[in-house]
Amino acid sequence: MYVGGDFTTVDGQARNRIAAFDAATGALVATFAPNIGYHVYAIVATPTVVYVGGNFQGVGTATRNSLAAFR
């Protein structure tokens, strides 16, 4: 399960505006922690890709204007 918004921590862990949780246990997924630069407003997940939309211009050091995808 993926959650997006305007937060920078989840459960005491750094998570910049998006976080993933294990649906069976509710635990924060340690291996998913992209650094999104500003608000996340939309998330669509497929079995292989997570698409994110929002009011951001970058993910980490990469330029991503309002849309990004993660495998």
N, C-alpha and C. Protein backbone atom coordinates (compact mmCIF):
# COMPACT_ATOMS: atom_id res chain seq x y z
N MET A 1 0.85 -1.16 0.00
CA MET A 1 0.00 0.00 0.00
C MET A 1 0.91 1.23 0.00
N TYR A 2 0.53 2.22 -0.78
CA TYR A 2 1.32 3.46 -0.90
C TYR A 2 0.51 4.64 -0.40
N VAL A 3 1.20 5.55 0.29
CA VAL A 3 0.57 6.75 0.82
C VAL A 3 1.41 7.95 0.42
N GLY A 4 0.79 9.01 -0.06
CA GLY A 4 1.51 10.21 -0.43
C GLY A 4 0.90 11.43 0.22
N GLY A 5 1.67 12.52 0.26
CA GLY A 5 1.16 13.75 0.85
C GLY A 5 2.26 14.77 1.03
N ASP A 6 2.25 15.44 2.17
CA ASP A 6 3.22 16.50 2.46
C ASP A 6 3.93 16.21 3.78
N PHE A 7 4.41 15.00 3.95
CA PHE A 7 5.10 14.61 5.17
C PHE A 7 6.56 14.31 4.87
N THR A 8 7.39 14.31 5.90
CA THR A 8 8.82 13.99 5.72
C THR A 8 9.29 12.87 6.64
N THR A 9 8.42 12.39 7.52
CA THR A 9 8.74 11.22 8.34
C THR A 9 7.49 10.36 8.50
N VAL A 10 7.73 9.06 8.64
CA VAL A 10 6.66 8.11 8.93
C VAL A 10 7.22 7.13 9.95
N ASP A 11 6.52 6.99 11.05
CA ASP A 11 6.95 6.05 12.09
C ASP A 11 8.40 6.27 12.51
N GLY A 12 8.81 7.54 12.55
CA GLY A 12 10.16 7.89 12.96
C GLY A 12 11.22 7.71 11.89
N GLN A 13 10.83 7.32 10.69
CA GLN A 13 11.76 7.11 9.58
C GLN A 13 11.58 8.21 8.53
N ALA A 14 12.67 8.63 7.91
CA ALA A 14 12.60 9.65 6.86
C ALA A 14 11.86 9.09 5.65
N ARG A 15 10.81 9.77 5.27
CA ARG A 15 10.05 9.44 4.06
C ARG A 15 9.55 10.75 3.50
N ASN A 16 10.09 11.16 2.37
CA ASN A 16 9.75 12.46 1.80
C ASN A 16 8.58 12.37 0.85
N ARG A 17 7.41 12.51 1.43
CA ARG A 17 6.14 12.68 0.75
C ARG A 17 5.54 11.43 0.13
N ILE A 18 6.21 10.28 0.26
CA ILE A 18 5.61 9.02 -0.16
C ILE A 18 6.18 7.91 0.72
N ALA A 19 5.31 6.95 1.04
CA ALA A 19 5.74 5.81 1.85
C ALA A 19 5.00 4.56 1.37
N ALA A 20 5.63 3.43 1.59
CA ALA A 20 5.02 2.15 1.25
C ALA A 20 4.89 1.32 2.52
N PHE A 21 3.76 0.63 2.63
CA PHE A 21 3.50 -0.23 3.77
C PHE A 21 3.18 -1.64 3.29
N ASP A 22 3.62 -2.62 4.03
CA ASP A 22 3.27 -4.01 3.75
C ASP A 22 1.79 -4.18 4.09
N ALA A 23 0.98 -4.59 3.13
CA ALA A 23 -0.46 -4.69 3.35
C ALA A 23 -0.81 -5.78 4.37
N ALA A 24 -0.01 -6.81 4.48
CA ALA A 24 -0.30 -7.90 5.41
C ALA A 24 0.05 -7.55 6.86
N THR A 25 1.15 -6.81 7.04
CA THR A 25 1.61 -6.54 8.41
C THR A 25 1.43 -5.10 8.85
N GLY A 26 1.28 -4.19 7.89
CA GLY A 26 1.19 -2.76 8.21
C GLY A 26 2.54 -2.12 8.44
N ALA A 27 3.62 -2.88 8.29
CA ALA A 27 4.96 -2.37 8.53
C ALA A 27 5.43 -1.48 7.38
N LEU A 28 6.17 -0.45 7.71
CA LEU A 28 6.77 0.43 6.73
C LEU A 28 7.79 -0.37 5.91
N VAL A 29 7.76 -0.23 4.59
CA VAL A 29 8.69 -0.95 3.71
C VAL A 29 10.00 -0.18 3.67
N ALA A 30 11.06 -0.78 4.19
CA ALA A 30 12.35 -0.11 4.32
C ALA A 30 13.02 0.18 2.97
N THR A 31 12.74 -0.61 1.96
CA THR A 31 13.44 -0.48 0.68
C THR A 31 12.80 0.52 -0.27
N PHE A 32 11.69 1.14 0.11
CA PHE A 32 11.03 2.13 -0.74
C PHE A 32 11.06 3.48 -0.04
N ALA A 33 11.98 4.36 -0.48
CA ALA A 33 12.11 5.67 0.16
C ALA A 33 12.60 6.73 -0.82
N PRO A 34 11.88 6.95 -1.93
CA PRO A 34 12.30 8.01 -2.85
C PRO A 34 12.18 9.38 -2.19
N ASN A 35 13.02 10.29 -2.60
CA ASN A 35 13.05 11.64 -2.04
C ASN A 35 12.32 12.58 -2.99
N ILE A 36 11.03 12.71 -2.79
CA ILE A 36 10.20 13.57 -3.65
C ILE A 36 10.23 14.98 -3.09
N GLY A 37 10.44 15.96 -3.97
CA GLY A 37 10.70 17.32 -3.56
C GLY A 37 9.53 18.14 -3.03
N TYR A 38 8.29 17.74 -3.28
CA TYR A 38 7.15 18.54 -2.82
C TYR A 38 5.91 17.66 -2.79
N HIS A 39 4.74 18.22 -2.70
CA HIS A 39 3.49 17.48 -2.48
C HIS A 39 3.25 16.36 -3.50
N VAL A 40 2.74 15.24 -2.99
CA VAL A 40 2.24 14.15 -3.81
C VAL A 40 0.72 14.17 -3.71
N TYR A 41 0.06 14.18 -4.86
CA TYR A 41 -1.40 14.24 -4.89
C TYR A 41 -2.05 12.97 -5.44
N ALA A 42 -1.31 12.19 -6.23
CA ALA A 42 -1.90 11.01 -6.86
C ALA A 42 -0.89 9.88 -6.93
N ILE A 43 -1.38 8.66 -6.71
CA ILE A 43 -0.55 7.47 -6.79
C ILE A 43 -1.35 6.38 -7.50
N VAL A 44 -0.71 5.74 -8.47
CA VAL A 44 -1.29 4.57 -9.13
C VAL A 44 -0.22 3.49 -9.13
N ALA A 45 -0.57 2.33 -8.59
CA ALA A 45 0.39 1.24 -8.51
C ALA A 45 -0.06 0.08 -9.38
N THR A 46 0.86 -0.46 -10.17
CA THR A 46 0.65 -1.69 -10.92
C THR A 46 1.54 -2.75 -10.25
N PRO A 47 1.51 -3.97 -10.69
CA PRO A 47 2.40 -4.98 -10.08
C PRO A 47 3.89 -4.66 -10.22
N THR A 48 4.28 -3.82 -11.18
CA THR A 48 5.70 -3.56 -11.40
C THR A 48 6.13 -2.11 -11.30
N VAL A 49 5.19 -1.17 -11.37
CA VAL A 49 5.54 0.25 -11.39
C VAL A 49 4.59 1.04 -10.49
N VAL A 50 5.14 2.02 -9.78
CA VAL A 50 4.33 2.97 -9.00
C VAL A 50 4.45 4.33 -9.68
N TYR A 51 3.33 4.89 -10.11
CA TYR A 51 3.29 6.20 -10.75
C TYR A 51 2.84 7.22 -9.72
N VAL A 52 3.51 8.37 -9.71
CA VAL A 52 3.22 9.41 -8.72
C VAL A 52 3.03 10.74 -9.45
N GLY A 53 2.00 11.47 -9.06
CA GLY A 53 1.77 12.80 -9.60
C GLY A 53 1.64 13.80 -8.48
N GLY A 54 2.06 15.01 -8.74
CA GLY A 54 1.94 16.04 -7.71
C GLY A 54 2.56 17.35 -8.12
N ASN A 55 2.83 18.15 -7.12
CA ASN A 55 3.35 19.50 -7.34
C ASN A 55 4.85 19.51 -7.02
N PHE A 56 5.61 18.65 -7.68
CA PHE A 56 7.05 18.56 -7.44
C PHE A 56 7.80 18.75 -8.75
N GLN A 57 9.06 19.12 -8.62
CA GLN A 57 9.91 19.31 -9.80
C GLN A 57 11.09 18.35 -9.82
N GLY A 58 11.22 17.55 -8.77
CA GLY A 58 12.33 16.62 -8.74
C GLY A 58 12.12 15.47 -7.78
N VAL A 59 12.84 14.39 -8.08
CA VAL A 59 12.91 13.23 -7.20
C VAL A 59 14.39 12.95 -7.01
N GLY A 60 14.84 13.11 -5.78
CA GLY A 60 16.28 13.02 -5.54
C GLY A 60 16.97 14.12 -6.32
N THR A 61 17.96 13.76 -7.11
CA THR A 61 18.67 14.75 -7.93
C THR A 61 18.15 14.79 -9.37
N ALA A 62 17.14 13.97 -9.69
CA ALA A 62 16.60 13.91 -11.05
C ALA A 62 15.45 14.90 -11.21
N THR A 63 15.42 15.59 -12.33
CA THR A 63 14.31 16.49 -12.66
C THR A 63 13.11 15.65 -13.07
N ARG A 64 12.01 15.84 -12.38
CA ARG A 64 10.75 15.17 -12.70
C ARG A 64 9.66 16.19 -12.46
N ASN A 65 9.12 16.75 -13.52
CA ASN A 65 8.11 17.80 -13.40
C ASN A 65 6.72 17.21 -13.26
N SER A 66 6.29 17.07 -12.03
CA SER A 66 4.94 16.68 -11.65
C SER A 66 4.61 15.19 -11.81
N LEU A 67 5.43 14.42 -12.51
CA LEU A 67 5.19 12.99 -12.68
C LEU A 67 6.48 12.21 -12.48
N ALA A 68 6.36 11.05 -11.86
CA ALA A 68 7.51 10.16 -11.68
C ALA A 68 7.01 8.72 -11.63
N ALA A 69 7.89 7.80 -11.94
CA ALA A 69 7.57 6.38 -11.88
C ALA A 69 8.70 5.64 -11.18
N PHE A 70 8.33 4.62 -10.39
CA PHE A 70 9.30 3.83 -9.64
C PHE A 70 9.02 2.35 -9.88
N ARG A 71 10.09 1.56 -9.99
CA ARG A 71 9.94 0.10 -10.15
C ARG A 71 10.14 -0.57 -8.82
